[in-house]
């Protein structure tokens, strides 16, 4: 009978070395971090787009309407601006616009989005409105001082 003997590997021949495993783990770590940075960058770009295409036009409309007609509202002639905007897996919508003693408060809500999407949008909102002298920002609510006609 011809029986085959199992081969016994020498210690240096089997498996991966510790250096090879370390290199593989470093490469995997770099790929994962690149994906995370890419997602954060994409979310920030979406937040800027949401502010520029939705939030800012409605804010400007509300300020214009309130300062020129002494009424409170989102303004007229905004048929090309949607009443809601999809962002970060959720929906931004107009909440309220009020005016009391020359102070105009404009609020938006973001529902159904991840926490990091809300945080990113609030950051862009705050950074954009911090350059306006008469604006104060809290979350997705901005307060403006508007001259009163009373």
C-alpha atoms as a PDB file:
ATOM      1  CA  UNK A   1       0.000   0.000   0.000  1.00  0.00           C
ATOM      2  CA  UNK A   2       1.084   3.348  -0.905  1.00  0.00           C
ATOM      3  CA  UNK A   3       0.026   5.795   1.816  1.00  0.00           C
ATOM      4  CA  UNK A   4       0.815   9.379   1.547  1.00  0.00           C
ATOM      5  CA  UNK A   5       2.287  11.104   4.501  1.00  0.00           C
ATOM      6  CA  UNK A   6       0.963  14.504   5.450  1.00  0.00           C
ATOM      7  CA  UNK A   7       3.479  17.204   4.778  1.00  0.00           C
ATOM      8  CA  UNK A   8       4.720  19.114   7.716  1.00  0.00           C
ATOM      9  CA  UNK A   9       5.384  22.780   7.005  1.00  0.00           C
ATOM     10  CA  UNK A  10       8.432  24.429   8.277  1.00  0.00           C
ATOM     11  CA  UNK A  11       7.789  27.322  10.680  1.00  0.00           C
ATOM     12  CA  UNK A  12       8.744  30.052   8.175  1.00  0.00           C
ATOM     13  CA  UNK A  13       6.489  28.784   5.368  1.00  0.00           C
ATOM     14  CA  UNK A  14       2.943  28.883   6.753  1.00  0.00           C
ATOM     15  CA  UNK A  15       0.556  31.854   7.107  1.00  0.00           C
ATOM     16  CA  UNK A  16       1.252  35.555   7.142  1.00  0.00           C
ATOM     17  CA  UNK A  17       4.007  37.289   8.970  1.00  0.00           C
ATOM     18  CA  UNK A  18       3.275  39.953  11.547  1.00  0.00           C
ATOM     19  CA  UNK A  19       4.635  42.642   9.216  1.00  0.00           C
ATOM     20  CA  UNK A  20       2.350  41.538   6.385  1.00  0.00           C
ATOM     21  CA  UNK A  21      -0.671  41.636   8.708  1.00  0.00           C
ATOM     22  CA  UNK A  22       0.292  45.110   9.936  1.00  0.00           C
ATOM     23  CA  UNK A  23       0.570  46.401   6.364  1.00  0.00           C
ATOM     24  CA  UNK A  24      -2.860  44.989   5.477  1.00  0.00           C
ATOM     25  CA  UNK A  25      -4.423  46.591   8.573  1.00  0.00           C
ATOM     26  CA  UNK A  26      -2.844  49.971   7.761  1.00  0.00           C
ATOM     27  CA  UNK A  27      -4.214  49.816   4.210  1.00  0.00           C
ATOM     28  CA  UNK A  28      -7.700  48.920   5.478  1.00  0.00           C
ATOM     29  CA  UNK A  29      -7.528  51.794   7.975  1.00  0.00           C
ATOM     30  CA  UNK A  30      -6.593  54.265   5.238  1.00  0.00           C
ATOM     31  CA  UNK A  31      -9.469  53.128   3.044  1.00  0.00           C
ATOM     32  CA  UNK A  32     -12.002  53.393   5.887  1.00  0.00           C
ATOM     33  CA  UNK A  33     -10.803  56.874   6.889  1.00  0.00           C
ATOM     34  CA  UNK A  34     -10.920  58.068   3.257  1.00  0.00           C
ATOM     35  CA  UNK A  35     -14.534  56.895   3.005  1.00  0.00           C
ATOM     36  CA  UNK A  36     -15.465  58.669   6.262  1.00  0.00           C
ATOM     37  CA  UNK A  37     -13.840  61.928   5.129  1.00  0.00           C
ATOM     38  CA  UNK A  38     -15.625  61.640   1.780  1.00  0.00           C
ATOM     39  CA  UNK A  39     -19.010  61.233   3.464  1.00  0.00           C
ATOM     40  CA  UNK A  40     -18.414  64.226   5.744  1.00  0.00           C
ATOM     41  CA  UNK A  41     -17.351  66.362   2.795  1.00  0.00           C
ATOM     42  CA  UNK A  42     -20.413  65.295   0.827  1.00  0.00           C
ATOM     43  CA  UNK A  43     -22.734  66.071   3.750  1.00  0.00           C
ATOM     44  CA  UNK A  44     -21.175  69.529   4.170  1.00  0.00           C
ATOM     45  CA  UNK A  45     -21.628  70.216   0.452  1.00  0.00           C
ATOM     46  CA  UNK A  46     -25.284  69.137   0.723  1.00  0.00           C
ATOM     47  CA  UNK A  47     -25.767  71.480   3.694  1.00  0.00           C
ATOM     48  CA  UNK A  48     -24.323  74.427   1.755  1.00  0.00           C
ATOM     49  CA  UNK A  49     -26.587  73.597  -1.192  1.00  0.00           C
ATOM     50  CA  UNK A  50     -29.641  73.371   1.089  1.00  0.00           C
ATOM     51  CA  UNK A  51     -28.826  76.757   2.594  1.00  0.00           C
ATOM     52  CA  UNK A  52     -28.183  78.438  -0.758  1.00  0.00           C
ATOM     53  CA  UNK A  53     -31.119  76.933  -2.662  1.00  0.00           C
ATOM     54  CA  UNK A  54     -33.756  76.798   0.064  1.00  0.00           C
ATOM     55  CA  UNK A  55     -33.086  78.490   3.390  1.00  0.00           C
ATOM     56  CA  UNK A  56     -31.476  81.736   2.219  1.00  0.00           C
ATOM     57  CA  UNK A  57     -34.064  82.563  -0.501  1.00  0.00           C
ATOM     58  CA  UNK A  58     -36.899  82.085   2.004  1.00  0.00           C
ATOM     59  CA  UNK A  59     -35.093  84.170   4.628  1.00  0.00           C
ATOM     60  CA  UNK A  60     -34.506  86.975   2.136  1.00  0.00           C
ATOM     61  CA  UNK A  61     -38.143  86.796   1.039  1.00  0.00           C
ATOM     62  CA  UNK A  62     -39.417  86.986   4.626  1.00  0.00           C
ATOM     63  CA  UNK A  63     -37.104  89.905   5.455  1.00  0.00           C
ATOM     64  CA  UNK A  64     -38.114  91.773   2.298  1.00  0.00           C
ATOM     65  CA  UNK A  65     -41.832  91.212   2.878  1.00  0.00           C
ATOM     66  CA  UNK A  66     -41.625  92.202   6.532  1.00  0.00           C
ATOM     67  CA  UNK A  67     -39.526  95.312   5.974  1.00  0.00           C
ATOM     68  CA  UNK A  68     -41.421  96.676   2.975  1.00  0.00           C
ATOM     69  CA  UNK A  69     -45.052  95.822   3.667  1.00  0.00           C
ATOM     70  CA  UNK A  70     -45.243  95.642   7.481  1.00  0.00           C
ATOM     71  CA  UNK A  71     -46.724  92.151   7.173  1.00  0.00           C
ATOM     72  CA  UNK A  72     -45.364  88.825   8.305  1.00  0.00           C
ATOM     73  CA  UNK A  73     -44.995  86.048   5.786  1.00  0.00           C
ATOM     74  CA  UNK A  74     -42.726  84.176   3.491  1.00  0.00           C
ATOM     75  CA  UNK A  75     -43.171  86.745   0.756  1.00  0.00           C
ATOM     76  CA  UNK A  76     -44.616  86.554  -2.695  1.00  0.00           C
ATOM     77  CA  UNK A  77     -43.228  85.576  -6.044  1.00  0.00           C
ATOM     78  CA  UNK A  78     -41.419  82.505  -4.706  1.00  0.00           C
ATOM     79  CA  UNK A  79     -43.118  79.887  -6.834  1.00  0.00           C
ATOM     80  CA  UNK A  80     -39.700  78.632  -7.935  1.00  0.00           C
ATOM     81  CA  UNK A  81     -38.597  77.977  -4.328  1.00  0.00           C
ATOM     82  CA  UNK A  82     -39.999  74.719  -2.922  1.00  0.00           C
ATOM     83  CA  UNK A  83     -41.829  74.687   0.407  1.00  0.00           C
ATOM     84  CA  UNK A  84     -39.739  71.687   1.496  1.00  0.00           C
ATOM     85  CA  UNK A  85     -36.234  70.534   0.611  1.00  0.00           C
ATOM     86  CA  UNK A  86     -34.705  67.037   0.880  1.00  0.00           C
ATOM     87  CA  UNK A  87     -31.445  66.978   2.790  1.00  0.00           C
ATOM     88  CA  UNK A  88     -29.380  64.351   4.621  1.00  0.00           C
ATOM     89  CA  UNK A  89     -32.040  61.657   4.374  1.00  0.00           C
ATOM     90  CA  UNK A  90     -34.642  64.016   5.869  1.00  0.00           C
ATOM     91  CA  UNK A  91     -36.791  66.989   4.920  1.00  0.00           C
ATOM     92  CA  UNK A  92     -36.275  70.675   5.722  1.00  0.00           C
ATOM     93  CA  UNK A  93     -39.500  72.647   5.967  1.00  0.00           C
ATOM     94  CA  UNK A  94     -40.632  76.115   6.910  1.00  0.00           C
ATOM     95  CA  UNK A  95     -41.868  76.232  10.482  1.00  0.00           C
ATOM     96  CA  UNK A  96     -42.775  79.805  11.258  1.00  0.00           C
ATOM     97  CA  UNK A  97     -42.097  83.445  10.648  1.00  0.00           C
ATOM     98  CA  UNK A  98     -43.183  85.941  13.307  1.00  0.00           C
ATOM     99  CA  UNK A  99     -42.645  89.608  13.930  1.00  0.00           C
ATOM    100  CA  UNK A 100     -42.916  91.298  17.297  1.00  0.00           C
ATOM    101  CA  UNK A 101     -41.704  94.828  18.087  1.00  0.00           C
ATOM    102  CA  UNK A 102     -39.364  94.988  15.098  1.00  0.00           C
ATOM    103  CA  UNK A 103     -37.889  91.526  15.682  1.00  0.00           C
ATOM    104  CA  UNK A 104     -38.445  89.008  12.903  1.00  0.00           C
ATOM    105  CA  UNK A 105     -38.008  85.335  13.846  1.00  0.00           C
ATOM    106  CA  UNK A 106     -37.717  82.783  11.040  1.00  0.00           C
ATOM    107  CA  UNK A 107     -37.625  79.064  11.824  1.00  0.00           C
ATOM    108  CA  UNK A 108     -37.081  75.888   9.850  1.00  0.00           C
ATOM    109  CA  UNK A 109     -37.215  72.247  10.921  1.00  0.00           C
ATOM    110  CA  UNK A 110     -35.294  69.207   9.758  1.00  0.00           C
ATOM    111  CA  UNK A 111     -37.101  65.926  10.281  1.00  0.00           C
ATOM    112  CA  UNK A 112     -36.012  62.381   9.564  1.00  0.00           C
ATOM    113  CA  UNK A 113     -32.312  63.118   9.103  1.00  0.00           C
ATOM    114  CA  UNK A 114     -29.341  61.713  10.974  1.00  0.00           C
ATOM    115  CA  UNK A 115     -27.916  63.725  13.871  1.00  0.00           C
ATOM    116  CA  UNK A 116     -24.743  64.546  11.980  1.00  0.00           C
ATOM    117  CA  UNK A 117     -26.853  65.947   9.096  1.00  0.00           C
ATOM    118  CA  UNK A 118     -28.706  68.262  11.513  1.00  0.00           C
ATOM    119  CA  UNK A 119     -25.424  69.382  13.080  1.00  0.00           C
ATOM    120  CA  UNK A 120     -23.826  70.069   9.694  1.00  0.00           C
ATOM    121  CA  UNK A 121     -26.846  72.093   8.493  1.00  0.00           C
ATOM    122  CA  UNK A 122     -26.925  74.116  11.725  1.00  0.00           C
ATOM    123  CA  UNK A 123     -23.192  74.841  11.334  1.00  0.00           C
ATOM    124  CA  UNK A 124     -23.626  76.128   7.764  1.00  0.00           C
ATOM    125  CA  UNK A 125     -26.734  78.110   8.817  1.00  0.00           C
ATOM    126  CA  UNK A 126     -24.865  79.726  11.716  1.00  0.00           C
ATOM    127  CA  UNK A 127     -21.716  80.476   9.692  1.00  0.00           C
ATOM    128  CA  UNK A 128     -23.740  82.042   6.888  1.00  0.00           C
ATOM    129  CA  UNK A 129     -25.830  84.239   9.156  1.00  0.00           C
ATOM    130  CA  UNK A 130     -23.061  85.257  11.572  1.00  0.00           C
ATOM    131  CA  UNK A 131     -21.882  87.703   8.918  1.00  0.00           C
ATOM    132  CA  UNK A 132     -25.249  89.528   9.044  1.00  0.00           C
ATOM    133  CA  UNK A 133     -25.072  92.332  11.609  1.00  0.00           C
ATOM    134  CA  UNK A 134     -28.707  92.158  12.718  1.00  0.00           C
ATOM    135  CA  UNK A 135     -29.023  88.346  12.905  1.00  0.00           C
ATOM    136  CA  UNK A 136     -28.873  85.961  15.843  1.00  0.00           C
ATOM    137  CA  UNK A 137     -28.950  82.202  15.217  1.00  0.00           C
ATOM    138  CA  UNK A 138     -30.023  79.282  17.370  1.00  0.00           C
ATOM    139  CA  UNK A 139     -30.349  75.864  15.763  1.00  0.00           C
ATOM    140  CA  UNK A 140     -32.372  76.433  12.578  1.00  0.00           C
ATOM    141  CA  UNK A 141     -33.983  79.640  13.855  1.00  0.00           C
ATOM    142  CA  UNK A 142     -32.740  83.089  12.906  1.00  0.00           C
ATOM    143  CA  UNK A 143     -33.823  86.332  14.553  1.00  0.00           C
ATOM    144  CA  UNK A 144     -33.460  89.634  12.684  1.00  0.00           C
ATOM    145  CA  UNK A 145     -34.034  93.226  13.750  1.00  0.00           C
ATOM    146  CA  UNK A 146     -36.390  94.829  11.216  1.00  0.00           C
ATOM    147  CA  UNK A 147     -37.416  98.504  11.282  1.00  0.00           C
ATOM    148  CA  UNK A 148     -40.991  98.835  12.511  1.00  0.00           C
ATOM    149  CA  UNK A 149     -43.588 100.875  10.657  1.00  0.00           C
ATOM    150  CA  UNK A 150     -45.568 101.626  13.864  1.00  0.00           C
END
